[in-house]
Amino acid sequence: MRAFPFVGLLAGFTVWSGAFLLLYALQATGCKLGWQDVAIGPISLLRIILVCVLLSVLALFYLIAKQWLQPVKGKTDDTRQFLLRIAGLVHLAAAASTLVTFAGIFWLSLC
């Protein structure tokens, strides 16, 4: 992504939209198959799966930010550095949006 900083601008909300589709597809599938009735300790199988997917998506945000959105050291184009900084902020906004959007899986009823 460092070679194409514009891709970094799109990466965060592309991951967010994929997570949105995945989490709601899993919720619909889990409700249809009755995963909310399968108790694993004090919580249901469906909630465990959704929480694990959410944590995996947040880890993906971290890996993308760590590997591809860090400013390049040394002599580089000012426009590229500027785009990488903006991409980092957009990526942070997408990660925060993901956390806020899907935080309800921790306490709301699922089906």
N, C-alpha and C. Protein backbone atom coordinates (compact mmCIF):
# COMPACT_ATOMS: atom_id res chain seq x y z
N MET A 1 0.82 -1.20 0.00
CA MET A 1 0.00 0.00 0.00
C MET A 1 0.86 1.26 0.00
N ARG A 2 2.09 1.13 0.47
CA ARG A 2 2.94 2.32 0.47
C ARG A 2 3.23 2.79 -0.95
N ALA A 3 3.26 1.85 -1.89
CA ALA A 3 3.50 2.23 -3.27
C ALA A 3 2.28 2.96 -3.86
N PHE A 4 1.11 2.63 -3.35
CA PHE A 4 -0.14 3.24 -3.82
C PHE A 4 -0.92 3.77 -2.62
N PRO A 5 -0.59 4.97 -2.14
CA PRO A 5 -1.23 5.49 -0.92
C PRO A 5 -2.74 5.65 -1.05
N PHE A 6 -3.24 5.80 -2.27
CA PHE A 6 -4.68 5.94 -2.44
C PHE A 6 -5.42 4.69 -1.98
N VAL A 7 -4.78 3.53 -2.14
CA VAL A 7 -5.37 2.27 -1.68
C VAL A 7 -5.56 2.31 -0.17
N GLY A 8 -4.63 2.94 0.52
CA GLY A 8 -4.75 3.08 1.97
C GLY A 8 -5.96 3.89 2.39
N LEU A 9 -6.34 4.84 1.55
CA LEU A 9 -7.54 5.63 1.86
C LEU A 9 -8.80 4.77 1.83
N LEU A 10 -8.80 3.77 0.98
CA LEU A 10 -9.98 2.91 0.82
C LEU A 10 -9.97 1.68 1.72
N ALA A 11 -8.82 1.30 2.21
CA ALA A 11 -8.68 0.03 2.92
C ALA A 11 -9.54 -0.06 4.18
N GLY A 12 -9.55 0.98 5.00
CA GLY A 12 -10.25 0.93 6.28
C GLY A 12 -11.75 0.68 6.13
N PHE A 13 -12.39 1.48 5.31
CA PHE A 13 -13.84 1.31 5.18
C PHE A 13 -14.21 0.13 4.29
N THR A 14 -13.26 -0.36 3.49
CA THR A 14 -13.50 -1.62 2.77
C THR A 14 -13.53 -2.77 3.76
N VAL A 15 -12.59 -2.76 4.71
CA VAL A 15 -12.59 -3.78 5.77
C VAL A 15 -13.86 -3.65 6.60
N TRP A 16 -14.26 -2.42 6.93
CA TRP A 16 -15.48 -2.21 7.71
C TRP A 16 -16.70 -2.79 7.00
N SER A 17 -16.82 -2.53 5.69
CA SER A 17 -17.99 -3.04 4.97
C SER A 17 -17.97 -4.56 4.88
N GLY A 18 -16.79 -5.14 4.70
CA GLY A 18 -16.69 -6.60 4.71
C GLY A 18 -17.06 -7.19 6.06
N ALA A 19 -16.62 -6.53 7.13
CA ALA A 19 -16.96 -6.98 8.48
C ALA A 19 -18.47 -6.86 8.72
N PHE A 20 -19.07 -5.79 8.22
CA PHE A 20 -20.51 -5.59 8.36
C PHE A 20 -21.26 -6.75 7.71
N LEU A 21 -20.90 -7.07 6.48
CA LEU A 21 -21.55 -8.17 5.78
C LEU A 21 -21.32 -9.50 6.49
N LEU A 22 -20.10 -9.75 6.91
CA LEU A 22 -19.76 -11.01 7.56
C LEU A 22 -20.49 -11.17 8.89
N LEU A 23 -20.47 -10.14 9.72
CA LEU A 23 -21.11 -10.26 11.03
C LEU A 23 -22.62 -10.44 10.93
N TYR A 24 -23.25 -9.70 10.04
CA TYR A 24 -24.70 -9.85 9.92
C TYR A 24 -25.08 -11.14 9.22
N ALA A 25 -24.25 -11.63 8.30
CA ALA A 25 -24.50 -12.94 7.70
C ALA A 25 -24.37 -14.04 8.75
N LEU A 26 -23.34 -13.93 9.61
CA LEU A 26 -23.18 -14.91 10.69
C LEU A 26 -24.33 -14.84 11.69
N GLN A 27 -24.79 -13.63 11.98
CA GLN A 27 -25.91 -13.49 12.91
C GLN A 27 -27.17 -14.13 12.33
N ALA A 28 -27.47 -13.87 11.09
CA ALA A 28 -28.66 -14.44 10.46
C ALA A 28 -28.55 -15.96 10.38
N THR A 29 -27.38 -16.44 10.00
CA THR A 29 -27.18 -17.89 9.92
C THR A 29 -27.28 -18.53 11.29
N GLY A 30 -26.63 -17.90 12.29
CA GLY A 30 -26.68 -18.44 13.65
C GLY A 30 -28.08 -18.45 14.23
N CYS A 31 -28.85 -17.41 13.96
CA CYS A 31 -30.23 -17.38 14.46
C CYS A 31 -31.06 -18.46 13.78
N LYS A 32 -30.86 -18.65 12.49
CA LYS A 32 -31.61 -19.67 11.75
C LYS A 32 -31.27 -21.07 12.24
N LEU A 33 -30.00 -21.30 12.55
CA LEU A 33 -29.56 -22.63 12.99
C LEU A 33 -29.67 -22.84 14.49
N GLY A 34 -30.09 -21.83 15.22
CA GLY A 34 -30.30 -21.98 16.66
C GLY A 34 -29.04 -21.93 17.50
N TRP A 35 -27.99 -21.27 17.00
CA TRP A 35 -26.75 -21.19 17.77
C TRP A 35 -26.91 -20.38 19.04
N GLN A 36 -27.92 -19.51 19.10
CA GLN A 36 -28.13 -18.72 20.30
C GLN A 36 -28.62 -19.59 21.47
N ASP A 37 -29.10 -20.79 21.18
CA ASP A 37 -29.58 -21.70 22.22
C ASP A 37 -28.51 -22.66 22.72
N VAL A 38 -27.36 -22.68 22.07
CA VAL A 38 -26.25 -23.54 22.47
C VAL A 38 -25.40 -22.77 23.48
N ALA A 39 -25.54 -23.16 24.75
CA ALA A 39 -24.82 -22.45 25.81
C ALA A 39 -23.41 -23.01 25.97
N ILE A 40 -22.45 -22.10 25.98
CA ILE A 40 -21.07 -22.46 26.29
C ILE A 40 -20.70 -21.59 27.49
N GLY A 41 -20.80 -22.18 28.65
CA GLY A 41 -20.63 -21.40 29.87
C GLY A 41 -21.81 -20.45 30.01
N PRO A 42 -21.55 -19.22 30.38
CA PRO A 42 -22.64 -18.28 30.59
C PRO A 42 -23.14 -17.59 29.31
N ILE A 43 -22.47 -17.83 28.17
CA ILE A 43 -22.90 -17.16 26.93
C ILE A 43 -23.16 -18.18 25.83
N SER A 44 -23.79 -17.71 24.76
CA SER A 44 -24.17 -18.62 23.68
C SER A 44 -23.05 -18.77 22.65
N LEU A 45 -23.15 -19.84 21.88
CA LEU A 45 -22.20 -20.10 20.81
C LEU A 45 -22.22 -18.96 19.79
N LEU A 46 -23.39 -18.44 19.48
CA LEU A 46 -23.51 -17.35 18.51
C LEU A 46 -22.76 -16.11 18.97
N ARG A 47 -22.91 -15.76 20.23
CA ARG A 47 -22.23 -14.57 20.75
C ARG A 47 -20.71 -14.77 20.73
N ILE A 48 -20.24 -15.97 21.06
CA ILE A 48 -18.80 -16.26 21.04
C ILE A 48 -18.26 -16.10 19.62
N ILE A 49 -18.99 -16.63 18.64
CA ILE A 49 -18.54 -16.52 17.25
C ILE A 49 -18.49 -15.06 16.82
N LEU A 50 -19.52 -14.29 17.12
CA LEU A 50 -19.56 -12.88 16.73
C LEU A 50 -18.47 -12.07 17.40
N VAL A 51 -18.22 -12.33 18.67
CA VAL A 51 -17.15 -11.62 19.38
C VAL A 51 -15.79 -11.98 18.79
N CYS A 52 -15.58 -13.25 18.49
CA CYS A 52 -14.30 -13.66 17.89
C CYS A 52 -14.09 -13.02 16.52
N VAL A 53 -15.15 -12.94 15.72
CA VAL A 53 -15.03 -12.29 14.41
C VAL A 53 -14.73 -10.81 14.59
N LEU A 54 -15.41 -10.15 15.52
CA LEU A 54 -15.15 -8.73 15.76
C LEU A 54 -13.71 -8.50 16.20
N LEU A 55 -13.22 -9.31 17.11
CA LEU A 55 -11.83 -9.17 17.56
C LEU A 55 -10.84 -9.45 16.43
N SER A 56 -11.17 -10.39 15.56
CA SER A 56 -10.32 -10.68 14.40
C SER A 56 -10.28 -9.50 13.44
N VAL A 57 -11.42 -8.87 13.23
CA VAL A 57 -11.47 -7.70 12.34
C VAL A 57 -10.67 -6.55 12.94
N LEU A 58 -10.78 -6.33 14.24
CA LEU A 58 -9.99 -5.28 14.89
C LEU A 58 -8.50 -5.59 14.80
N ALA A 59 -8.13 -6.87 14.90
CA ALA A 59 -6.73 -7.26 14.73
C ALA A 59 -6.27 -6.99 13.29
N LEU A 60 -7.15 -7.21 12.33
CA LEU A 60 -6.83 -6.91 10.93
C LEU A 60 -6.59 -5.42 10.73
N PHE A 61 -7.41 -4.59 11.36
CA PHE A 61 -7.18 -3.15 11.30
C PHE A 61 -5.80 -2.80 11.86
N TYR A 62 -5.45 -3.40 12.97
CA TYR A 62 -4.14 -3.14 13.57
C TYR A 62 -3.01 -3.55 12.64
N LEU A 63 -3.12 -4.74 12.05
CA LEU A 63 -2.06 -5.21 11.15
C LEU A 63 -1.91 -4.33 9.92
N ILE A 64 -3.02 -3.90 9.36
CA ILE A 64 -2.95 -3.01 8.20
C ILE A 64 -2.28 -1.70 8.58
N ALA A 65 -2.67 -1.14 9.72
CA ALA A 65 -2.08 0.13 10.15
C ALA A 65 -0.59 -0.04 10.45
N LYS A 66 -0.23 -1.13 11.06
CA LYS A 66 1.17 -1.35 11.45
C LYS A 66 2.05 -1.60 10.23
N GLN A 67 1.57 -2.36 9.28
CA GLN A 67 2.40 -2.75 8.14
C GLN A 67 2.42 -1.74 7.00
N TRP A 68 1.28 -1.12 6.70
CA TRP A 68 1.18 -0.38 5.46
C TRP A 68 0.92 1.11 5.60
N LEU A 69 0.50 1.57 6.75
CA LEU A 69 0.11 2.96 6.85
C LEU A 69 1.08 3.83 7.64
N GLN A 70 2.23 3.30 7.96
CA GLN A 70 3.24 4.09 8.65
C GLN A 70 3.93 5.00 7.65
N PRO A 71 4.23 6.24 8.03
CA PRO A 71 4.95 7.14 7.12
C PRO A 71 6.31 6.55 6.74
N VAL A 72 6.70 6.78 5.51
CA VAL A 72 7.97 6.27 5.01
C VAL A 72 9.10 7.17 5.51
N LYS A 73 10.13 6.57 6.05
CA LYS A 73 11.28 7.33 6.55
C LYS A 73 12.20 7.67 5.38
N GLY A 74 12.88 8.76 5.51
CA GLY A 74 13.83 9.16 4.48
C GLY A 74 13.21 10.14 3.49
N LYS A 75 13.88 10.27 2.38
CA LYS A 75 13.45 11.24 1.38
C LYS A 75 12.37 10.63 0.49
N THR A 76 11.17 11.15 0.59
CA THR A 76 10.06 10.69 -0.26
C THR A 76 9.27 11.89 -0.72
N ASP A 77 8.35 11.61 -1.57
CA ASP A 77 7.46 12.64 -2.11
C ASP A 77 6.55 13.17 -1.01
N ASP A 78 6.42 14.49 -0.91
CA ASP A 78 5.56 15.09 0.12
C ASP A 78 4.10 14.71 -0.07
N THR A 79 3.67 14.58 -1.30
CA THR A 79 2.28 14.19 -1.57
C THR A 79 2.02 12.78 -1.05
N ARG A 80 2.97 11.87 -1.25
CA ARG A 80 2.81 10.50 -0.76
C ARG A 80 2.74 10.47 0.77
N GLN A 81 3.60 11.23 1.42
CA GLN A 81 3.59 11.30 2.89
C GLN A 81 2.25 11.85 3.38
N PHE A 82 1.77 12.89 2.72
CA PHE A 82 0.49 13.50 3.09
C PHE A 82 -0.65 12.51 2.93
N LEU A 83 -0.67 11.78 1.81
CA LEU A 83 -1.72 10.77 1.60
C LEU A 83 -1.64 9.64 2.62
N LEU A 84 -0.43 9.25 2.99
CA LEU A 84 -0.29 8.20 4.01
C LEU A 84 -0.81 8.68 5.36
N ARG A 85 -0.57 9.93 5.69
CA ARG A 85 -1.11 10.46 6.96
C ARG A 85 -2.63 10.49 6.94
N ILE A 86 -3.19 10.96 5.84
CA ILE A 86 -4.66 10.99 5.72
C ILE A 86 -5.21 9.57 5.74
N ALA A 87 -4.56 8.64 5.05
CA ALA A 87 -5.00 7.24 5.04
C ALA A 87 -4.98 6.67 6.45
N GLY A 88 -3.98 7.02 7.24
CA GLY A 88 -3.93 6.56 8.63
C GLY A 88 -5.09 7.08 9.45
N LEU A 89 -5.46 8.34 9.25
CA LEU A 89 -6.60 8.91 9.97
C LEU A 89 -7.92 8.29 9.53
N VAL A 90 -8.07 8.08 8.23
CA VAL A 90 -9.29 7.43 7.72
C VAL A 90 -9.37 6.00 8.25
N HIS A 91 -8.24 5.33 8.29
CA HIS A 91 -8.19 3.96 8.81
C HIS A 91 -8.58 3.93 10.29
N LEU A 92 -8.09 4.88 11.06
CA LEU A 92 -8.45 4.98 12.47
C LEU A 92 -9.95 5.23 12.63
N ALA A 93 -10.51 6.09 11.78
CA ALA A 93 -11.95 6.36 11.83
C ALA A 93 -12.74 5.10 11.49
N ALA A 94 -12.27 4.31 10.53
CA ALA A 94 -12.96 3.07 10.17
C ALA A 94 -12.89 2.05 11.31
N ALA A 95 -11.75 1.96 11.97
CA ALA A 95 -11.62 1.04 13.12
C ALA A 95 -12.54 1.47 14.26
N ALA A 96 -12.60 2.77 14.53
CA ALA A 96 -13.50 3.26 15.57
C ALA A 96 -14.95 3.02 15.19
N SER A 97 -15.28 3.22 13.93
CA SER A 97 -16.65 2.97 13.46
C SER A 97 -17.01 1.50 13.62
N THR A 98 -16.06 0.62 13.35
CA THR A 98 -16.30 -0.81 13.52
C THR A 98 -16.60 -1.13 14.97
N LEU A 99 -15.80 -0.61 15.86
CA LEU A 99 -16.00 -0.88 17.28
C LEU A 99 -17.34 -0.34 17.77
N VAL A 100 -17.69 0.87 17.36
CA VAL A 100 -18.96 1.48 17.79
C VAL A 100 -20.15 0.75 17.17
N THR A 101 -20.05 0.43 15.87
CA THR A 101 -21.16 -0.21 15.17
C THR A 101 -21.47 -1.58 15.73
N PHE A 102 -20.44 -2.34 16.04
CA PHE A 102 -20.66 -3.73 16.45
C PHE A 102 -20.51 -3.97 17.94
N ALA A 103 -20.42 -2.93 18.73
CA ALA A 103 -20.29 -3.10 20.18
C ALA A 103 -21.54 -3.74 20.79
N GLY A 104 -22.66 -3.62 20.12
CA GLY A 104 -23.90 -4.19 20.63
C GLY A 104 -23.89 -5.69 20.75
N ILE A 105 -22.97 -6.38 20.07
CA ILE A 105 -22.95 -7.83 20.19
C ILE A 105 -22.53 -8.27 21.59
N PHE A 106 -21.98 -7.36 22.37
CA PHE A 106 -21.57 -7.73 23.73
C PHE A 106 -22.73 -7.76 24.72
N TRP A 107 -23.81 -6.98 24.47
CA TRP A 107 -24.87 -6.95 25.47
C TRP A 107 -26.29 -7.03 24.91
N LEU A 108 -26.51 -6.77 23.63
CA LEU A 108 -27.86 -6.81 23.08
C LEU A 108 -28.28 -8.23 22.77
N SER A 109 -29.59 -8.48 22.74
CA SER A 109 -30.06 -9.80 22.34
C SER A 109 -29.77 -9.99 20.86
N LEU A 110 -29.50 -11.20 20.45
CA LEU A 110 -29.01 -11.46 19.11
C LEU A 110 -30.10 -11.83 18.11
N CYS A 111 -31.14 -12.49 18.54
CA CYS A 111 -32.15 -12.94 17.58
C CYS A 111 -33.51 -12.38 17.92
